[in-house]
N, C-alpha and C. Protein backbone atom coordinates (compact mmCIF):
# COMPACT_ATOMS: atom_id res chain seq x y z
N MET A 1 108.20 77.09 75.94
CA MET A 1 106.96 76.55 76.39
C MET A 1 106.45 75.29 75.55
N SER A 2 106.02 74.29 76.09
CA SER A 2 105.37 73.19 75.46
C SER A 2 104.32 73.62 74.51
N GLU A 3 104.09 72.61 73.52
CA GLU A 3 102.83 72.81 72.65
C GLU A 3 101.54 73.32 73.28
N GLN A 4 101.40 72.48 74.43
CA GLN A 4 100.26 72.92 75.14
C GLN A 4 100.63 73.80 76.41
N ILE A 5 99.58 74.78 76.78
CA ILE A 5 100.09 75.38 77.92
C ILE A 5 99.67 74.79 79.09
N ARG A 6 100.61 74.40 80.13
CA ARG A 6 100.50 73.57 81.19
C ARG A 6 99.96 74.47 82.31
N VAL A 7 98.84 74.32 83.11
CA VAL A 7 98.33 74.84 84.02
C VAL A 7 98.07 74.32 85.23
N LEU A 8 98.59 75.02 86.62
CA LEU A 8 98.45 74.63 87.81
C LEU A 8 97.26 75.40 88.39
N VAL A 9 96.11 74.55 88.97
CA VAL A 9 95.08 75.37 89.46
C VAL A 9 94.88 75.50 91.12
N CYS A 10 94.92 76.54 91.70
CA CYS A 10 94.95 76.57 93.02
C CYS A 10 93.88 77.46 93.71
N ASP A 11 92.95 76.72 94.37
CA ASP A 11 91.82 77.44 94.93
C ASP A 11 91.46 76.56 96.11
N ASP A 12 91.00 77.13 97.21
CA ASP A 12 90.56 76.37 98.38
C ASP A 12 89.20 75.77 98.32
N GLN A 13 88.37 76.22 97.30
CA GLN A 13 87.08 75.80 97.19
C GLN A 13 86.96 74.74 96.02
N PRO A 14 86.60 73.36 96.51
CA PRO A 14 86.86 72.25 95.68
C PRO A 14 86.01 72.59 94.41
N LEU A 15 84.72 73.00 94.45
CA LEU A 15 83.81 73.10 93.33
C LEU A 15 84.56 74.16 92.31
N ILE A 16 84.97 75.22 92.75
CA ILE A 16 85.60 76.16 91.88
C ILE A 16 86.86 75.68 91.24
N ARG A 17 87.68 74.98 91.93
CA ARG A 17 88.86 74.22 91.50
C ARG A 17 88.51 73.20 90.47
N THR A 18 87.49 72.39 90.66
CA THR A 18 87.06 71.41 89.72
C THR A 18 86.61 72.17 88.34
N GLY A 19 85.75 73.12 88.62
CA GLY A 19 85.14 73.93 87.60
C GLY A 19 86.28 74.53 86.59
N PHE A 20 87.12 75.16 87.20
CA PHE A 20 88.26 75.71 86.50
C PHE A 20 89.06 74.60 85.66
N SER A 21 89.39 73.63 86.49
CA SER A 21 90.16 72.47 85.58
C SER A 21 89.17 71.92 84.60
N THR A 22 87.91 71.47 84.61
CA THR A 22 87.21 71.08 83.66
C THR A 22 87.11 72.04 82.44
N ILE A 23 87.02 73.30 82.67
CA ILE A 23 86.89 74.25 81.64
C ILE A 23 88.37 74.39 80.90
N ILE A 24 89.36 74.29 81.69
CA ILE A 24 90.70 74.35 81.02
C ILE A 24 91.13 73.31 80.17
N ASP A 25 90.79 71.97 80.94
CA ASP A 25 91.28 70.74 80.32
C ASP A 25 90.43 70.45 78.99
N ALA A 26 89.31 71.18 78.74
CA ALA A 26 88.53 70.97 77.56
C ALA A 26 89.14 71.58 76.46
N GLN A 27 90.08 72.55 76.60
CA GLN A 27 90.63 73.23 75.43
C GLN A 27 91.73 72.40 74.77
N PRO A 28 91.98 72.39 73.53
CA PRO A 28 93.00 71.72 72.90
C PRO A 28 94.47 72.17 73.12
N ASP A 29 94.52 73.37 73.42
CA ASP A 29 95.85 74.08 73.68
C ASP A 29 96.20 74.22 74.93
N LEU A 30 95.43 73.68 76.07
CA LEU A 30 95.63 73.77 77.60
C LEU A 30 95.53 72.48 78.28
N THR A 31 96.24 72.25 79.31
CA THR A 31 96.13 71.05 79.99
C THR A 31 96.50 71.52 81.49
N VAL A 32 95.75 70.88 82.27
CA VAL A 32 95.69 71.07 83.81
C VAL A 32 96.73 70.03 84.33
N VAL A 33 97.92 70.31 84.97
CA VAL A 33 98.98 69.36 85.36
C VAL A 33 98.77 69.18 86.86
N GLY A 34 98.06 69.93 87.56
CA GLY A 34 97.85 69.62 89.01
C GLY A 34 96.84 70.56 89.47
N GLU A 35 96.32 70.34 90.74
CA GLU A 35 95.33 71.20 91.54
C GLU A 35 95.82 70.99 93.06
N CYS A 36 95.35 72.19 93.70
CA CYS A 36 95.63 72.34 95.18
C CYS A 36 94.63 73.27 95.70
N GLY A 37 94.66 73.27 97.22
CA GLY A 37 93.84 74.02 97.90
C GLY A 37 94.34 75.04 98.85
N ASP A 38 95.73 75.07 98.97
CA ASP A 38 96.55 76.07 99.82
C ASP A 38 97.66 76.69 99.21
N GLY A 39 98.04 77.81 99.67
CA GLY A 39 99.11 78.34 99.06
C GLY A 39 100.55 77.81 99.29
N ARG A 40 100.81 77.03 100.27
CA ARG A 40 101.97 76.37 100.66
C ARG A 40 102.21 75.19 99.51
N THR A 41 101.04 74.42 99.35
CA THR A 41 101.07 73.41 98.36
C THR A 41 101.09 73.92 96.91
N ALA A 42 100.63 75.13 96.65
CA ALA A 42 100.77 75.76 95.43
C ALA A 42 102.29 76.03 94.97
N VAL A 43 103.05 76.46 96.07
CA VAL A 43 104.32 76.66 95.84
C VAL A 43 105.09 75.62 95.61
N GLU A 44 104.96 74.50 96.29
CA GLU A 44 105.48 73.20 96.02
C GLU A 44 105.26 72.59 94.91
N LEU A 45 103.99 72.60 94.43
CA LEU A 45 103.77 71.78 93.15
C LEU A 45 104.06 72.55 92.00
N ALA A 46 104.23 73.82 91.99
CA ALA A 46 104.61 74.93 91.08
C ALA A 46 106.05 74.50 90.73
N ARG A 47 106.82 74.43 91.86
CA ARG A 47 108.43 74.13 91.82
C ARG A 47 108.67 72.78 91.21
N SER A 48 107.76 71.66 91.51
CA SER A 48 107.95 70.29 91.22
C SER A 48 107.42 70.08 89.66
N LEU A 49 106.35 70.75 89.36
CA LEU A 49 105.62 70.43 88.23
C LEU A 49 105.94 71.27 87.03
N GLN A 50 106.61 72.52 87.50
CA GLN A 50 106.96 73.59 86.51
C GLN A 50 105.93 73.77 85.39
N PRO A 51 104.78 74.26 85.79
CA PRO A 51 103.62 74.64 84.90
C PRO A 51 104.19 75.87 84.11
N ASP A 52 103.33 76.09 82.97
CA ASP A 52 103.54 77.48 82.51
C ASP A 52 102.77 78.65 83.12
N ILE A 53 101.41 78.12 83.59
CA ILE A 53 100.80 79.18 84.23
C ILE A 53 100.15 78.53 85.68
N VAL A 54 100.28 79.50 86.52
CA VAL A 54 99.60 79.14 87.82
C VAL A 54 98.36 80.02 88.02
N VAL A 55 97.06 79.43 88.16
CA VAL A 55 95.93 80.11 88.33
C VAL A 55 95.63 80.01 89.85
N MET A 56 95.98 81.19 90.51
CA MET A 56 96.04 81.37 91.92
C MET A 56 94.81 82.29 92.62
N ASP A 57 94.24 81.62 93.49
CA ASP A 57 93.26 82.35 94.39
C ASP A 57 94.02 83.27 95.45
N VAL A 58 93.24 84.23 95.79
CA VAL A 58 94.06 85.18 96.80
C VAL A 58 93.88 84.62 98.28
N ARG A 59 92.75 84.49 98.62
CA ARG A 59 92.44 83.97 99.95
C ARG A 59 92.37 82.47 99.94
N MET A 60 93.51 81.81 100.65
CA MET A 60 93.57 80.42 100.69
C MET A 60 94.43 80.19 102.09
N PRO A 61 94.00 79.06 102.70
CA PRO A 61 94.65 78.51 104.17
C PRO A 61 96.32 78.35 103.90
N VAL A 62 96.81 78.21 105.10
CA VAL A 62 98.32 77.90 105.17
C VAL A 62 99.23 79.10 104.68
N LEU A 63 98.87 79.44 103.27
CA LEU A 63 99.70 80.59 102.85
C LEU A 63 98.80 81.13 101.88
N ASP A 64 98.55 82.56 101.91
CA ASP A 64 97.59 83.11 100.99
C ASP A 64 98.19 83.26 99.64
N GLY A 65 97.22 83.48 98.79
CA GLY A 65 97.83 83.60 97.41
C GLY A 65 98.71 84.82 96.91
N ILE A 66 98.79 85.81 97.65
CA ILE A 66 99.63 86.89 97.35
C ILE A 66 101.13 86.42 97.79
N GLU A 67 101.21 86.05 99.12
CA GLU A 67 102.58 85.29 99.49
C GLU A 67 102.99 84.39 98.55
N ALA A 68 102.16 83.37 98.32
CA ALA A 68 102.53 82.27 97.21
C ALA A 68 103.04 82.69 95.99
N THR A 69 102.30 83.88 95.29
CA THR A 69 102.77 84.43 94.19
C THR A 69 104.06 85.14 94.41
N ARG A 70 104.47 85.75 95.57
CA ARG A 70 105.60 86.43 95.89
C ARG A 70 106.74 85.32 95.80
N LEU A 71 106.45 84.12 96.39
CA LEU A 71 107.51 83.05 96.45
C LEU A 71 107.75 82.59 95.01
N LEU A 72 106.82 82.70 94.08
CA LEU A 72 106.94 81.78 92.75
C LEU A 72 107.32 83.05 91.69
N ALA A 73 107.00 84.34 91.87
CA ALA A 73 107.17 85.32 90.79
C ALA A 73 107.59 86.59 91.28
N GLY A 74 108.06 86.63 92.35
CA GLY A 74 108.57 87.87 93.02
C GLY A 74 109.95 88.30 92.80
N THR A 75 110.25 89.47 93.14
CA THR A 75 111.72 89.86 92.88
C THR A 75 112.77 88.94 93.55
N GLY A 76 113.75 88.66 92.60
CA GLY A 76 114.75 87.70 93.11
C GLY A 76 114.47 86.19 92.94
N VAL A 77 113.57 85.85 92.46
CA VAL A 77 113.15 84.39 92.22
C VAL A 77 113.90 83.91 91.11
N GLU A 78 114.74 82.92 91.23
CA GLU A 78 115.60 82.57 90.18
C GLU A 78 114.85 81.94 88.93
N HIS A 79 113.84 81.33 89.23
CA HIS A 79 113.08 80.64 87.99
C HIS A 79 111.62 80.92 88.22
N PRO A 80 111.23 82.27 87.77
CA PRO A 80 109.91 82.78 88.11
C PRO A 80 108.81 81.89 87.38
N VAL A 81 107.63 81.89 88.05
CA VAL A 81 106.54 81.28 87.25
C VAL A 81 105.63 82.14 86.97
N THR A 82 104.90 82.10 85.95
CA THR A 82 103.86 83.05 85.57
C THR A 82 102.41 82.72 86.19
N VAL A 83 101.98 83.83 86.97
CA VAL A 83 100.91 83.72 87.81
C VAL A 83 99.73 84.69 87.51
N LEU A 84 98.50 83.87 87.22
CA LEU A 84 97.31 84.74 86.83
C LEU A 84 96.50 84.70 88.27
N VAL A 85 96.28 85.68 88.86
CA VAL A 85 95.45 85.78 90.09
C VAL A 85 94.00 85.99 89.93
N VAL A 86 93.22 85.07 90.60
CA VAL A 86 91.71 84.89 90.34
C VAL A 86 91.21 85.04 91.59
N THR A 87 90.31 85.86 91.85
CA THR A 87 89.65 86.26 93.15
C THR A 87 88.12 86.61 93.06
N THR A 88 87.49 86.55 94.06
CA THR A 88 86.13 86.93 94.29
C THR A 88 86.00 88.42 94.66
N PHE A 89 87.22 88.77 94.97
CA PHE A 89 87.19 90.17 95.64
C PHE A 89 87.86 91.36 94.74
N ASN A 90 86.69 92.17 94.37
CA ASN A 90 87.27 93.10 93.25
C ASN A 90 87.64 94.42 94.03
N LEU A 91 88.74 94.30 94.69
CA LEU A 91 89.43 95.41 95.43
C LEU A 91 90.59 95.81 94.76
N ASP A 92 90.85 97.34 94.68
CA ASP A 92 92.10 97.67 94.20
C ASP A 92 93.48 97.13 95.02
N GLU A 93 93.29 97.20 96.08
CA GLU A 93 94.20 96.68 97.05
C GLU A 93 94.73 95.32 96.76
N TYR A 94 93.84 94.36 96.59
CA TYR A 94 94.27 92.93 96.13
C TYR A 94 95.03 92.94 94.81
N VAL A 95 94.35 93.79 93.81
CA VAL A 95 94.97 93.65 92.63
C VAL A 95 96.52 94.35 92.63
N TYR A 96 96.66 95.36 93.33
CA TYR A 96 97.86 96.03 93.48
C TYR A 96 98.89 95.14 94.08
N GLU A 97 98.44 94.57 95.18
CA GLU A 97 99.39 93.70 96.07
C GLU A 97 99.64 92.31 95.27
N ALA A 98 98.72 91.86 94.30
CA ALA A 98 98.98 90.79 93.43
C ALA A 98 100.12 91.01 92.47
N LEU A 99 99.92 92.32 91.90
CA LEU A 99 101.07 92.72 90.98
C LEU A 99 102.35 93.05 91.33
N ARG A 100 102.34 93.64 92.62
CA ARG A 100 103.53 93.87 93.28
C ARG A 100 104.25 92.52 93.71
N ALA A 101 103.59 91.63 93.92
CA ALA A 101 104.13 90.33 94.16
C ALA A 101 104.63 89.55 92.99
N GLY A 102 104.17 90.01 91.89
CA GLY A 102 104.91 89.38 90.66
C GLY A 102 103.84 88.80 89.75
N ALA A 103 102.49 88.98 90.20
CA ALA A 103 101.53 88.26 89.23
C ALA A 103 101.47 89.05 87.92
N SER A 104 101.20 88.21 86.64
CA SER A 104 101.08 88.93 85.47
C SER A 104 99.65 89.33 85.06
N GLY A 105 98.73 89.06 85.80
CA GLY A 105 97.30 89.22 85.54
C GLY A 105 96.33 89.15 86.66
N PHE A 106 95.19 89.62 86.46
CA PHE A 106 94.13 89.58 87.66
C PHE A 106 92.79 89.34 86.94
N LEU A 107 92.13 88.43 87.41
CA LEU A 107 90.81 88.10 86.99
C LEU A 107 89.65 87.85 88.05
N LEU A 108 88.55 88.27 87.99
CA LEU A 108 87.35 87.93 88.78
C LEU A 108 86.88 86.39 88.68
N LYS A 109 86.53 85.82 89.90
CA LYS A 109 86.01 84.41 89.58
C LYS A 109 84.64 84.48 88.88
N ASP A 110 83.91 85.44 88.87
CA ASP A 110 82.67 85.45 88.15
C ASP A 110 82.68 85.84 86.75
N ALA A 111 83.87 85.97 86.39
CA ALA A 111 84.16 86.28 84.91
C ALA A 111 83.52 85.10 84.00
N PRO A 112 83.11 85.20 82.85
CA PRO A 112 82.72 84.18 81.98
C PRO A 112 83.89 83.25 81.66
N ALA A 113 83.65 82.04 81.41
CA ALA A 113 84.60 80.98 81.09
C ALA A 113 85.62 81.41 79.90
N ASP A 114 85.21 82.20 79.04
CA ASP A 114 85.93 82.61 77.85
C ASP A 114 87.03 83.59 78.19
N GLN A 115 86.62 84.39 79.51
CA GLN A 115 87.66 85.33 79.91
C GLN A 115 88.60 84.65 80.65
N LEU A 116 88.41 83.61 81.38
CA LEU A 116 89.49 82.76 82.02
C LEU A 116 90.31 82.36 81.05
N LEU A 117 89.82 81.64 80.08
CA LEU A 117 90.75 81.11 78.90
C LEU A 117 91.65 82.22 78.33
N HIS A 118 90.90 83.26 77.83
CA HIS A 118 91.73 84.50 77.47
C HIS A 118 92.74 84.80 78.20
N GLY A 119 92.52 84.98 79.45
CA GLY A 119 93.51 85.33 80.60
C GLY A 119 94.65 84.42 80.66
N ILE A 120 94.42 83.19 80.60
CA ILE A 120 95.56 82.20 80.58
C ILE A 120 96.23 82.27 79.41
N ARG A 121 95.70 82.42 78.27
CA ARG A 121 96.48 82.45 77.01
C ARG A 121 97.27 83.75 76.95
N THR A 122 96.72 84.82 77.43
CA THR A 122 97.39 86.09 77.34
C THR A 122 98.65 86.31 78.27
N VAL A 123 98.52 85.76 79.43
CA VAL A 123 99.73 85.70 80.29
C VAL A 123 100.56 84.76 79.93
N ALA A 124 100.20 83.67 79.22
CA ALA A 124 101.20 82.79 78.72
C ALA A 124 101.79 83.22 77.40
N SER A 125 101.31 84.25 76.94
CA SER A 125 102.10 84.74 75.66
C SER A 125 103.08 85.86 76.15
N GLY A 126 103.17 86.07 77.31
CA GLY A 126 104.02 87.12 78.02
C GLY A 126 103.53 88.43 78.16
N ALA A 127 102.25 88.49 78.00
CA ALA A 127 101.69 89.87 78.05
C ALA A 127 101.08 89.89 79.42
N SER A 128 100.75 91.18 79.76
CA SER A 128 100.07 91.27 81.10
C SER A 128 98.34 91.66 80.77
N LEU A 129 97.59 90.99 81.86
CA LEU A 129 96.17 90.89 81.49
C LEU A 129 95.48 92.36 81.76
N LEU A 130 95.91 93.04 82.70
CA LEU A 130 95.26 94.32 82.90
C LEU A 130 95.54 95.30 81.84
N ALA A 131 94.55 96.10 81.44
CA ALA A 131 94.71 97.22 80.46
C ALA A 131 95.64 98.23 81.06
N PRO A 132 96.49 98.91 80.20
CA PRO A 132 97.46 99.81 80.82
C PRO A 132 96.92 100.94 81.66
N GLU A 133 95.61 101.35 81.39
CA GLU A 133 95.24 102.55 82.13
C GLU A 133 94.69 102.00 83.52
N VAL A 134 94.15 100.67 83.49
CA VAL A 134 93.75 100.06 84.80
C VAL A 134 95.06 99.87 85.56
N THR A 135 96.28 99.54 85.09
CA THR A 135 97.41 99.34 85.89
C THR A 135 97.91 100.80 86.37
N ARG A 136 97.90 101.74 85.55
CA ARG A 136 98.16 103.17 85.96
C ARG A 136 97.32 103.63 87.12
N ARG A 137 96.10 103.35 87.04
CA ARG A 137 95.17 103.88 88.12
C ARG A 137 95.53 103.20 89.46
N LEU A 138 95.89 101.64 89.33
CA LEU A 138 96.06 101.02 90.44
C LEU A 138 97.40 101.54 91.16
N VAL A 139 98.43 101.42 90.25
CA VAL A 139 99.65 101.74 90.92
C VAL A 139 99.76 103.15 91.35
N GLY A 140 99.11 104.22 90.63
CA GLY A 140 99.22 105.51 90.93
C GLY A 140 98.36 105.73 92.17
N ARG A 141 97.46 105.03 92.52
CA ARG A 141 96.65 105.11 93.79
C ARG A 141 97.54 104.64 95.02
N PHE A 142 98.19 103.72 94.72
CA PHE A 142 99.08 103.09 95.93
C PHE A 142 100.57 103.45 95.59
N ALA A 143 100.88 104.49 95.02
CA ALA A 143 102.31 104.90 94.74
C ALA A 143 103.09 105.38 95.85
N GLU A 144 102.45 105.82 96.75
CA GLU A 144 103.11 106.23 98.09
C GLU A 144 103.58 105.11 98.93
N ARG A 145 103.14 103.84 98.49
CA ARG A 145 103.72 102.63 99.33
C ARG A 145 104.89 102.32 98.67
N ILE A 146 105.19 102.70 97.36
CA ILE A 146 106.57 102.27 96.63
C ILE A 146 107.65 102.90 97.21
N ARG A 147 108.52 102.43 97.65
CA ARG A 147 109.77 103.17 98.16
C ARG A 147 110.56 103.47 97.05
N PRO A 148 111.07 104.75 96.82
CA PRO A 148 111.99 105.24 95.76
C PRO A 148 113.43 104.29 96.05
N THR A 149 114.08 104.16 94.99
CA THR A 149 115.23 103.32 95.09
C THR A 149 116.36 104.20 94.63
N ALA A 150 117.36 103.86 94.79
CA ALA A 150 118.67 104.68 94.61
C ALA A 150 118.75 105.03 92.99
N GLN A 151 117.96 104.12 92.17
CA GLN A 151 117.98 104.27 90.83
C GLN A 151 117.38 105.59 90.37
N THR A 152 118.24 106.38 89.50
CA THR A 152 117.35 107.50 88.96
C THR A 152 117.49 107.59 87.47
N GLU A 153 116.93 108.55 86.83
CA GLU A 153 116.98 108.67 85.37
C GLU A 153 118.39 108.95 84.89
N GLN A 154 119.31 109.46 85.82
CA GLN A 154 120.48 109.86 85.51
C GLN A 154 121.59 108.59 85.30
N ASN A 155 121.32 107.60 86.24
CA ASN A 155 122.06 106.32 86.30
C ASN A 155 121.30 105.16 85.63
N SER A 156 120.30 105.35 85.03
CA SER A 156 119.39 104.43 84.48
C SER A 156 120.26 103.66 83.46
N PRO A 157 119.92 102.49 83.17
CA PRO A 157 120.48 101.57 81.96
C PRO A 157 119.83 101.92 80.71
N LEU A 158 118.70 102.77 80.83
CA LEU A 158 117.81 103.13 79.50
C LEU A 158 118.37 104.19 78.85
N SER A 159 118.28 104.38 77.68
CA SER A 159 118.60 105.37 76.79
C SER A 159 117.62 106.54 77.04
N PRO A 160 117.79 107.78 76.79
CA PRO A 160 116.83 108.92 76.84
C PRO A 160 115.41 108.47 76.04
N ARG A 161 115.70 108.00 74.89
CA ARG A 161 114.33 107.42 74.24
C ARG A 161 113.57 106.39 74.93
N GLU A 162 114.24 105.44 75.42
CA GLU A 162 113.67 104.30 76.22
C GLU A 162 113.03 104.84 77.44
N GLN A 163 113.60 105.64 78.04
CA GLN A 163 113.02 106.49 79.30
C GLN A 163 111.71 107.03 78.92
N GLU A 164 111.63 107.81 77.64
CA GLU A 164 110.69 108.42 77.24
C GLU A 164 109.47 107.47 76.93
N VAL A 165 109.86 106.34 76.42
CA VAL A 165 108.78 105.24 76.17
C VAL A 165 108.29 104.64 77.38
N LEU A 166 109.17 104.49 78.35
CA LEU A 166 108.63 104.01 79.58
C LEU A 166 107.72 105.00 80.27
N ARG A 167 107.97 106.28 80.15
CA ARG A 167 107.10 107.31 80.87
C ARG A 167 105.66 107.08 80.29
N LEU A 168 105.58 107.02 78.89
CA LEU A 168 104.26 106.91 78.09
C LEU A 168 103.73 105.47 78.53
N ILE A 169 104.42 104.21 78.67
CA ILE A 169 104.05 103.15 79.08
C ILE A 169 102.95 103.38 80.48
N ALA A 170 103.82 104.08 81.41
CA ALA A 170 103.23 104.31 82.80
C ALA A 170 102.11 105.30 82.63
N ASP A 171 102.08 106.10 81.47
CA ASP A 171 100.97 107.00 81.36
C ASP A 171 99.67 106.23 80.89
N GLY A 172 99.85 104.91 80.62
CA GLY A 172 98.80 104.08 80.11
C GLY A 172 98.53 104.16 78.54
N LEU A 173 99.64 104.48 77.75
CA LEU A 173 99.57 104.39 76.40
C LEU A 173 99.76 103.13 75.89
N SER A 174 99.04 102.78 74.84
CA SER A 174 99.32 101.48 74.18
C SER A 174 100.62 101.63 73.36
N ASN A 175 101.05 100.71 72.49
CA ASN A 175 102.27 100.73 71.55
C ASN A 175 101.79 101.61 70.47
N GLY A 176 100.56 101.44 70.03
CA GLY A 176 100.14 102.26 68.88
C GLY A 176 100.12 103.77 69.17
N GLU A 177 99.53 103.99 70.40
CA GLU A 177 99.57 105.44 70.78
C GLU A 177 100.91 105.92 70.99
N ILE A 178 101.89 105.26 71.58
CA ILE A 178 103.12 105.67 71.71
C ILE A 178 103.80 106.06 70.45
N ALA A 179 103.48 105.11 69.39
CA ALA A 179 104.06 105.43 68.01
C ALA A 179 103.59 106.60 67.39
N ASP A 180 102.26 106.89 67.62
CA ASP A 180 101.71 108.10 67.03
C ASP A 180 102.26 109.56 67.89
N LYS A 181 102.42 109.19 69.11
CA LYS A 181 102.98 110.42 70.03
C LYS A 181 104.41 110.76 69.57
N LEU A 182 105.25 109.77 69.51
CA LEU A 182 106.70 109.99 69.24
C LEU A 182 106.94 109.90 67.68
N VAL A 183 105.99 109.67 66.98
CA VAL A 183 106.09 109.81 65.41
C VAL A 183 107.16 108.56 65.11
N LEU A 184 106.98 107.35 65.55
CA LEU A 184 107.44 106.17 65.41
C LEU A 184 106.77 105.12 64.73
N SER A 185 107.54 104.18 64.02
CA SER A 185 106.62 103.14 63.44
C SER A 185 106.27 102.11 64.69
N HIS A 186 105.23 101.32 64.57
CA HIS A 186 104.76 100.40 65.47
C HIS A 186 105.90 99.51 66.05
N GLU A 187 106.63 98.99 64.78
CA GLU A 187 107.69 98.01 65.17
C GLU A 187 108.75 98.51 65.91
N THR A 188 109.13 99.93 65.72
CA THR A 188 110.00 100.50 66.40
C THR A 188 109.86 100.61 67.81
N VAL A 189 108.46 100.98 68.25
CA VAL A 189 108.14 100.93 69.65
C VAL A 189 108.15 99.72 70.24
N LYS A 190 107.65 98.65 69.42
CA LYS A 190 107.79 97.17 69.98
C LYS A 190 109.12 96.97 70.44
N THR A 191 110.13 97.33 69.69
CA THR A 191 111.58 97.18 69.84
C THR A 191 112.08 97.82 71.12
N HIS A 192 111.53 99.13 71.30
CA HIS A 192 111.94 99.89 72.48
C HIS A 192 111.39 99.26 73.73
N VAL A 193 110.16 98.68 73.68
CA VAL A 193 109.48 98.11 74.88
C VAL A 193 110.22 96.90 75.01
N SER A 194 110.55 96.12 74.24
CA SER A 194 111.28 94.77 74.37
C SER A 194 112.62 95.10 75.06
N ARG A 195 113.43 96.11 74.53
CA ARG A 195 114.65 96.44 75.10
C ARG A 195 114.60 96.83 76.53
N ILE A 196 113.46 97.73 76.90
CA ILE A 196 113.26 98.09 78.22
C ILE A 196 113.10 97.11 79.19
N LEU A 197 112.30 96.27 78.74
CA LEU A 197 112.16 94.96 79.75
C LEU A 197 113.19 94.01 80.01
N THR A 198 114.08 93.94 78.90
CA THR A 198 115.13 93.12 79.02
C THR A 198 116.40 93.77 79.75
N LYS A 199 116.64 95.16 79.58
CA LYS A 199 117.63 96.01 80.18
C LYS A 199 117.24 95.98 81.87
N LEU A 200 115.86 96.14 82.16
CA LEU A 200 115.53 96.10 83.45
C LEU A 200 115.46 94.91 84.01
N GLY A 201 115.35 93.81 83.40
CA GLY A 201 114.99 92.48 83.81
C GLY A 201 113.57 92.47 84.38
N LEU A 202 112.62 92.86 83.53
CA LEU A 202 111.19 92.96 83.92
C LEU A 202 110.42 92.06 82.92
N ARG A 203 109.46 91.35 83.38
CA ARG A 203 108.67 90.44 82.65
C ARG A 203 107.56 90.93 81.72
N ASP A 204 107.03 91.92 82.07
CA ASP A 204 105.84 92.63 81.34
C ASP A 204 105.72 94.10 81.77
N ARG A 205 104.81 94.76 80.85
CA ARG A 205 104.44 96.20 81.15
C ARG A 205 103.97 96.45 82.47
N VAL A 206 103.12 95.52 83.15
CA VAL A 206 102.82 95.91 84.48
C VAL A 206 104.24 96.21 85.50
N GLN A 207 104.90 95.30 85.50
CA GLN A 207 106.16 95.44 86.10
C GLN A 207 106.99 96.73 85.67
N ALA A 208 106.82 97.22 84.51
CA ALA A 208 107.51 98.21 84.03
C ALA A 208 106.99 99.60 84.50
N VAL A 209 105.54 99.54 84.69
CA VAL A 209 104.92 100.59 85.33
C VAL A 209 105.27 100.87 86.75
N VAL A 210 105.35 99.71 87.62
CA VAL A 210 105.86 99.67 88.94
C VAL A 210 107.25 100.40 89.00
N TYR A 211 108.09 99.99 88.14
CA TYR A 211 109.53 100.41 88.16
C TYR A 211 109.50 101.78 87.80
N ALA A 212 108.65 102.32 86.98
CA ALA A 212 108.66 103.69 86.57
C ALA A 212 108.34 104.69 87.85
N TYR A 213 107.44 104.12 88.71
CA TYR A 213 107.00 104.78 89.83
C TYR A 213 107.97 104.85 90.89
N ARG A 214 108.66 103.46 90.99
CA ARG A 214 109.53 103.19 91.96
C ARG A 214 110.99 104.19 91.97
N THR A 215 111.20 104.40 90.54
CA THR A 215 112.38 105.00 90.22
C THR A 215 112.17 106.42 90.14
N GLY A 216 110.87 107.01 90.23
CA GLY A 216 110.62 108.53 90.07
C GLY A 216 110.55 109.01 88.62
N ILE A 217 110.56 107.98 87.66
CA ILE A 217 110.32 108.48 86.30
C ILE A 217 109.14 109.06 86.26
N VAL A 218 108.02 108.46 86.85
CA VAL A 218 106.73 109.17 86.91
C VAL A 218 106.33 109.13 88.39
N SER A 219 105.49 110.06 88.71
CA SER A 219 105.13 110.28 90.18
C SER A 219 103.50 110.43 90.13
């Protein structure tokens, strides 16, 4: 990632788009590299400009933000882009669909400016924006929609300890809580989490929770 975090802002409301861009550009560590008002253009600009983060609205013309996110960050995308979904709609279903599509975070448009900036920096660092317990609630609520795969604990690439850590991640525990529960050091837990993500080809803890449900490690 470059010294500055490069941001693409996608929202079909010009005032909101301009407001976000003004707030972001005022930060010394952030810069807006482009703006657009529909999902199709968002995908095209993200592929050409290669921003570090795409701030993506959900409801947009031509192509909605969920589908645009899927094309940029979904399963099988060769060079995924980090997406922070921002919407006026505080609906679990939107959050869930955005995360399933590959988004790394979710924020409401009426959140204070400092939350927007924190969200951008958080997902840019490789972390997910939702608290683990929120992720678990959302994925758990819609778990019946996740089709189990042929992957099972028996043929998992994860070691038994890593599977144990993954179950605790899916249960909403932080690294510190996992360390306490398993009587491990914080650094050891961080190493386990990093190996889990690497082995499974996952970007963050959000995707790890979805994986845990999909493979039946948790239900």
